[in-house]
C-alpha atoms as a PDB file:
ATOM      1  CA  MET A   1    -148.390 -33.931  94.742  1.00  0.00           C
ATOM      2  CA  ARG A   2    -148.959 -31.980  97.935  1.00  0.00           C
ATOM      3  CA  LEU A   3    -145.768 -30.023  97.355  1.00  0.00           C
ATOM      4  CA  ALA A   4    -147.054 -28.850  93.973  1.00  0.00           C
ATOM      5  CA  ALA A   5    -150.253 -27.616  95.617  1.00  0.00           C
ATOM      6  CA  ALA A   6    -148.335 -25.864  98.401  1.00  0.00           C
ATOM      7  CA  LEU A   7    -145.798 -24.222  96.100  1.00  0.00           C
ATOM      8  CA  PRO A   8    -148.036 -21.254  95.145  1.00  0.00           C
ATOM      9  CA  LEU A   9    -148.760 -20.634  98.833  1.00  0.00           C
ATOM     10  CA  ILE A  10    -145.075 -20.725  99.719  1.00  0.00           C
ATOM     11  CA  LEU A  11    -144.251 -18.360  96.849  1.00  0.00           C
ATOM     12  CA  ALA A  12    -147.020 -15.959  97.915  1.00  0.00           C
ATOM     13  CA  PHE A  13    -145.728 -16.026 101.491  1.00  0.00           C
ATOM     14  CA  PHE A  14    -142.197 -15.113 100.410  1.00  0.00           C
ATOM     15  CA  MET A  15    -143.455 -12.315  98.189  1.00  0.00           C
ATOM     16  CA  LEU A  16    -145.653 -10.886 100.931  1.00  0.00           C
ATOM     17  CA  ALA A  17    -142.877 -11.247 103.487  1.00  0.00           C
ATOM     18  CA  GLY A  18    -140.448  -9.259 101.328  1.00  0.00           C
ATOM     19  CA  ALA A  19    -137.991 -12.113 100.886  1.00  0.00           C
ATOM     20  CA  LEU A  20    -137.404 -11.117  97.283  1.00  0.00           C
ATOM     21  CA  GLY A  21    -136.260  -7.606  98.223  1.00  0.00           C
ATOM     22  CA  LEU A  22    -139.033  -5.870  96.297  1.00  0.00           C
ATOM     23  CA  ARG A  23    -139.896  -2.499  97.823  1.00  0.00           C
ATOM     24  CA  SER A  24    -142.191   0.420  97.268  1.00  0.00           C
ATOM     25  CA  PRO A  25    -141.659   4.030  98.407  1.00  0.00           C
ATOM     26  CA  ASP A  26    -144.616   3.718 100.786  1.00  0.00           C
ATOM     27  CA  GLU A  27    -142.892   0.833 102.560  1.00  0.00           C
ATOM     28  CA  CYS A  28    -139.788   2.975 102.971  1.00  0.00           C
ATOM     29  CA  GLU A  29    -141.774   5.578 104.869  1.00  0.00           C
ATOM     30  CA  SER A  30    -143.967   3.230 106.900  1.00  0.00           C
ATOM     31  CA  ASP A  31    -141.407   0.603 107.949  1.00  0.00           C
ATOM     32  CA  PRO A  32    -140.627   1.147 111.663  1.00  0.00           C
ATOM     33  CA  ALA A  33    -137.256  -0.607 111.285  1.00  0.00           C
ATOM     34  CA  ILE A  34    -136.036   2.116 108.912  1.00  0.00           C
ATOM     35  CA  ILE A  35    -135.141   5.083 111.077  1.00  0.00           C
ATOM     36  CA  ARG A  36    -131.877   6.499 109.733  1.00  0.00           C
ATOM     37  CA  ASN A  37    -131.518   8.459 106.503  1.00  0.00           C
ATOM     38  CA  SER A  38    -128.941   5.992 105.191  1.00  0.00           C
ATOM     39  CA  GLN A  39    -131.465   3.160 105.624  1.00  0.00           C
ATOM     40  CA  LYS A  40    -134.141   5.186 103.855  1.00  0.00           C
ATOM     41  CA  MET A  41    -131.750   5.904 100.962  1.00  0.00           C
ATOM     42  CA  GLN A  42    -131.077   2.175 100.620  1.00  0.00           C
ATOM     43  CA  CYS A  43    -134.809   1.499 100.702  1.00  0.00           C
ATOM     44  CA  TYR A  44    -135.501   4.072  97.963  1.00  0.00           C
ATOM     45  CA  PHE A  45    -132.647   2.527  95.966  1.00  0.00           C
ATOM     46  CA  SER A  46    -134.336  -0.890  96.279  1.00  0.00           C
ATOM     47  CA  ALA A  47    -137.700   0.644  95.336  1.00  0.00           C
ATOM     48  CA  ALA A  48    -136.139   2.146  92.196  1.00  0.00           C
ATOM     49  CA  LEU A  49    -134.721  -1.228  91.195  1.00  0.00           C
ATOM     50  CA  THR A  50    -138.130  -2.816  91.765  1.00  0.00           C
ATOM     51  CA  ALA A  51    -139.726  -0.174  89.532  1.00  0.00           C
ATOM     52  CA  ALA A  52    -137.036  -0.771  86.894  1.00  0.00           C
ATOM     53  CA  TYR A  53    -137.806  -4.494  86.795  1.00  0.00           C
ATOM     54  CA  LEU A  54    -141.475  -3.666  86.251  1.00  0.00           C
ATOM     55  CA  CYS A  55    -140.741  -1.373  83.282  1.00  0.00           C
ATOM     56  CA  ALA A  56    -140.471  -2.520  79.693  1.00  0.00           C
ATOM     57  CA  PRO A  57    -136.877  -3.335  78.688  1.00  0.00           C
ATOM     58  CA  GLY A  58    -135.173  -0.863  76.381  1.00  0.00           C
ATOM     59  CA  GLN A  59    -137.388   2.071  77.301  1.00  0.00           C
ATOM     60  CA  MET A  60    -136.959   4.966  79.698  1.00  0.00           C
ATOM     61  CA  CYS A  61    -138.425   4.083  83.085  1.00  0.00           C
ATOM     62  CA  SER A  62    -139.591   7.354  84.605  1.00  0.00           C
ATOM     63  CA  ALA A  63    -140.873   5.645  87.767  1.00  0.00           C
ATOM     64  CA  ALA A  64    -137.410   4.284  88.554  1.00  0.00           C
ATOM     65  CA  THR A  65    -135.473   7.409  87.566  1.00  0.00           C
ATOM     66  CA  SER A  66    -137.741   9.596  89.680  1.00  0.00           C
ATOM     67  CA  LEU A  67    -137.013   7.380  92.688  1.00  0.00           C
ATOM     68  CA  CYS A  68    -133.282   7.692  92.001  1.00  0.00           C
ATOM     69  CA  GLU A  69    -133.670  11.463  91.927  1.00  0.00           C
ATOM     70  CA  GLU A  70    -135.702  11.260  95.123  1.00  0.00           C
ATOM     71  CA  VAL A  71    -132.635   9.861  96.906  1.00  0.00           C
ATOM     72  CA  TRP A  72    -130.781  13.088  96.157  1.00  0.00           C
ATOM     73  CA  VAL A  73    -133.693  15.494  96.595  1.00  0.00           C
ATOM     74  CA  ARG A  74    -134.861  14.118  99.951  1.00  0.00           C
ATOM     75  CA  PHE A  75    -131.589  13.211 101.606  1.00  0.00           C
ATOM     76  CA  GLY A  76    -128.724  15.056  99.913  1.00  0.00           C
ATOM     77  CA  ALA A  77    -129.957  18.435  98.689  1.00  0.00           C
ATOM     78  CA  PRO A  78    -131.358  19.714 102.030  1.00  0.00           C
ATOM     79  CA  VAL A  79    -128.046  19.120 103.831  1.00  0.00           C
ATOM     80  CA  ASP A  80    -125.691  22.095 103.892  1.00  0.00           C
ATOM     81  CA  PRO A  81    -122.417  21.054 102.188  1.00  0.00           C
ATOM     82  CA  ASP A  82    -120.370  22.988 104.751  1.00  0.00           C
ATOM     83  CA  THR A  83    -121.598  20.965 107.743  1.00  0.00           C
ATOM     84  CA  GLY A  84    -119.128  18.175 107.100  1.00  0.00           C
ATOM     85  CA  SER A  85    -121.908  15.591 107.046  1.00  0.00           C
ATOM     86  CA  ASP A  86    -121.297  12.561 104.868  1.00  0.00           C
ATOM     87  CA  ILE A  87    -124.992  12.094 104.169  1.00  0.00           C
ATOM     88  CA  ARG A  88    -124.835  14.516 101.232  1.00  0.00           C
ATOM     89  CA  LYS A  89    -121.933  12.602  99.671  1.00  0.00           C
ATOM     90  CA  LYS A  90    -123.672   9.288 100.255  1.00  0.00           C
ATOM     91  CA  ALA A  91    -126.896  10.583  98.685  1.00  0.00           C
ATOM     92  CA  GLU A  92    -125.021  11.712  95.578  1.00  0.00           C
ATOM     93  CA  LEU A  93    -123.179   8.413  95.229  1.00  0.00           C
ATOM     94  CA  MET A  94    -126.294   6.348  95.894  1.00  0.00           C
ATOM     95  CA  SER A  95    -128.338   8.390  93.412  1.00  0.00           C
ATOM     96  CA  ASN A  96    -125.709   7.923  90.687  1.00  0.00           C
ATOM     97  CA  GLN A  97    -125.408   4.210  91.460  1.00  0.00           C
ATOM     98  CA  CYS A  98    -129.185   3.977  91.263  1.00  0.00           C
ATOM     99  CA  TYR A  99    -129.212   5.490  87.756  1.00  0.00           C
ATOM    100  CA  PHE A 100    -126.442   3.091  86.751  1.00  0.00           C
ATOM    101  CA  GLU A 101    -128.351   0.035  87.962  1.00  0.00           C
ATOM    102  CA  VAL A 102    -131.645   1.201  86.437  1.00  0.00           C
ATOM    103  CA  ALA A 103    -129.893   1.662  83.076  1.00  0.00           C
ATOM    104  CA  ARG A 104    -128.511  -1.871  83.308  1.00  0.00           C
ATOM    105  CA  ILE A 105    -131.849  -3.396  84.287  1.00  0.00           C
ATOM    106  CA  THR A 106    -133.851  -1.592  81.608  1.00  0.00           C
ATOM    107  CA  ARG A 107    -131.013  -1.827  79.046  1.00  0.00           C
ATOM    108  CA  ASN A 108    -131.556   1.839  78.218  1.00  0.00           C
ATOM    109  CA  PRO A 109    -128.379   3.944  77.812  1.00  0.00           C
ATOM    110  CA  ASP A 110    -130.383   7.191  77.955  1.00  0.00           C
ATOM    111  CA  THR A 111    -130.793   6.720  81.716  1.00  0.00           C
ATOM    112  CA  CYS A 112    -127.033   7.143  82.107  1.00  0.00           C
ATOM    113  CA  GLY A 113    -127.369  10.821  81.205  1.00  0.00           C
ATOM    114  CA  TYR A 114    -128.786  11.474  84.673  1.00  0.00           C
ATOM    115  CA  ILE A 115    -125.503  10.555  86.368  1.00  0.00           C
ATOM    116  CA  THR A 116    -123.954  13.812  87.480  1.00  0.00           C
ATOM    117  CA  GLN A 117    -121.657  15.373  90.049  1.00  0.00           C
ATOM    118  CA  ARG A 118    -123.645  17.741  92.214  1.00  0.00           C
ATOM    119  CA  ASP A 119    -120.885  18.855  94.565  1.00  0.00           C
ATOM    120  CA  ASP A 120    -117.150  19.207  94.185  1.00  0.00           C
ATOM    121  CA  PHE A 121    -115.733  17.600  97.296  1.00  0.00           C
ATOM    122  CA  GLY A 122    -112.124  18.237  96.314  1.00  0.00           C
ATOM    123  CA  SER A 123    -111.532  14.557  95.662  1.00  0.00           C
ATOM    124  CA  GLN A 124    -110.983  12.640  92.464  1.00  0.00           C
ATOM    125  CA  LEU A 125    -112.835   9.639  93.889  1.00  0.00           C
ATOM    126  CA  PHE A 126    -116.190  10.881  92.645  1.00  0.00           C
ATOM    127  CA  GLY A 127    -115.754  10.007  88.974  1.00  0.00           C
ATOM    128  CA  ASP A 128    -119.138  10.885  87.554  1.00  0.00           C
ATOM    129  CA  ALA A 129    -117.772  11.088  84.009  1.00  0.00           C
ATOM    130  CA  VAL A 130    -116.173   7.632  84.255  1.00  0.00           C
ATOM    131  CA  THR A 131    -119.314   6.190  85.822  1.00  0.00           C
ATOM    132  CA  ARG A 132    -121.452   7.734  83.078  1.00  0.00           C
ATOM    133  CA  GLU A 133    -119.202   6.344  80.311  1.00  0.00           C
ATOM    134  CA  THR A 134    -119.161   2.897  81.908  1.00  0.00           C
ATOM    135  CA  CYS A 135    -122.927   3.069  82.235  1.00  0.00           C
ATOM    136  CA  TYR A 136    -123.350   3.978  78.547  1.00  0.00           C
ATOM    137  CA  ASP A 137    -121.060   1.127  77.491  1.00  0.00           C
ATOM    138  CA  GLU A 138    -122.677  -1.473  79.695  1.00  0.00           C
ATOM    139  CA  ALA A 139    -126.286  -0.497  78.960  1.00  0.00           C
ATOM    140  CA  ALA A 140    -125.601  -0.419  75.207  1.00  0.00           C
ATOM    141  CA  ARG A 141    -123.915  -3.825  75.364  1.00  0.00           C
ATOM    142  CA  LEU A 142    -126.826  -5.267  77.335  1.00  0.00           C
ATOM    143  CA  ALA A 143    -129.264  -3.798  74.815  1.00  0.00           C
ATOM    144  CA  GLN A 144    -127.391  -5.610  72.021  1.00  0.00           C
ATOM    145  CA  LEU A 145    -127.570  -8.875  73.943  1.00  0.00           C
ATOM    146  CA  ALA A 146    -131.329  -8.594  74.389  1.00  0.00           C
ATOM    147  CA  PRO A 147    -133.206 -11.601  72.976  1.00  0.00           C
ATOM    148  CA  GLU A 148    -135.060  -9.480  70.436  1.00  0.00           C
ATOM    149  CA  ASN A 149    -131.692  -8.470  68.920  1.00  0.00           C
ATOM    150  CA  TYR A 150    -130.233 -11.971  68.502  1.00  0.00           C
ATOM    151  CA  TYR A 151    -130.886 -12.174  64.785  1.00  0.00           C
ATOM    152  CA  ARG A 152    -129.918  -8.655  63.804  1.00  0.00           C
ATOM    153  CA  SER A 153    -126.475  -7.840  62.461  1.00  0.00           C
ATOM    154  CA  ASN A 154    -124.666  -7.788  65.764  1.00  0.00           C
ATOM    155  CA  PRO A 155    -121.119  -9.068  66.229  1.00  0.00           C
ATOM    156  CA  ASN A 156    -121.666  -9.894  69.911  1.00  0.00           C
ATOM    157  CA  ASN A 157    -124.787 -11.997  69.685  1.00  0.00           C
ATOM    158  CA  ILE A 158    -125.262 -15.632  70.463  1.00  0.00           C
ATOM    159  CA  CYS A 159    -125.391 -16.608  66.795  1.00  0.00           C
ATOM    160  CA  ALA A 160    -121.735 -15.673  66.444  1.00  0.00           C
ATOM    161  CA  ILE A 161    -120.872 -18.115  69.205  1.00  0.00           C
ATOM    162  CA  VAL A 162    -123.071 -20.878  67.808  1.00  0.00           C
ATOM    163  CA  PHE A 163    -121.919 -20.625  64.181  1.00  0.00           C
ATOM    164  CA  VAL A 164    -118.483 -18.985  64.157  1.00  0.00           C
ATOM    165  CA  LEU A 165    -116.902 -20.832  67.080  1.00  0.00           C
ATOM    166  CA  PRO A 166    -117.479 -24.339  65.625  1.00  0.00           C
ATOM    167  CA  LEU A 167    -116.106 -23.218  62.247  1.00  0.00           C
ATOM    168  CA  PHE A 168    -113.032 -21.820  63.971  1.00  0.00           C
ATOM    169  CA  VAL A 169    -112.476 -25.065  65.908  1.00  0.00           C
ATOM    170  CA  MET A 170    -112.878 -27.150  62.727  1.00  0.00           C
ATOM    171  CA  ALA A 171    -110.431 -24.932  60.832  1.00  0.00           C
ATOM    172  CA  ALA A 172    -107.908 -25.240  63.638  1.00  0.00           C
ATOM    173  CA  ALA A 173    -108.308 -29.024  63.725  1.00  0.00           C
ATOM    174  CA  ILE A 174    -107.901 -29.347  59.949  1.00  0.00           C
ATOM    175  CA  GLY A 175    -104.896 -27.033  59.971  1.00  0.00           C
ATOM    176  CA  SER A 176    -103.160 -29.027  62.682  1.00  0.00           C
ATOM    177  CA  THR A 177    -103.584 -32.314  60.784  1.00  0.00           C
ATOM    178  CA  ARG A 178    -101.916 -30.934  57.638  1.00  0.00           C
ATOM    179  CA  VAL A 179     -98.705 -29.887  59.316  1.00  0.00           C
ATOM    180  CA  PRO A 180     -95.873 -32.129  57.985  1.00  0.00           C
ATOM    181  CA  ARG A 181     -94.065 -34.004  60.687  1.00  0.00           C
ATOM    182  CA  LYS A 182     -90.336 -34.384  60.845  1.00  0.00           C
ATOM    183  CA  SER A 183     -89.039 -37.910  61.091  1.00  0.00           C
END
């Protein structure tokens, strides 16, 4: 009984202590433990994911996408590409990964259109086109699996598993019993 009364207090403590990983952009700037640009990029990435979880599923989340763009604008764009600093590359990769994750969370494939290659680093490892295509595929698939789409004509929904799979198993069982046996 006492545990049930203390549970809301424990939950509030974890939320206020940041145990759930929820961030805001203000926390990224005011946290004294975050001093390096790479830490700030990770914090803005976490803030974008927090904003994405707060947005309505299936719709464009401008709060989250603007934070993803902020990763590039604040940390990547001001750095001269000829300095040899990796921070510009990391900002581009983190910004694109941020768009990818926001698209998955919100189940909105339109967010994937923001994934882009800003610099040509002379390497084939920065596959923005592949990442964008994967993002479109995954976000569209997640949108189809959304609970509000379960009863629409969708070949990948849960109804197919519930109704088609048992029929398939029964047909296989009946077919195996009718096979004549050699004596």
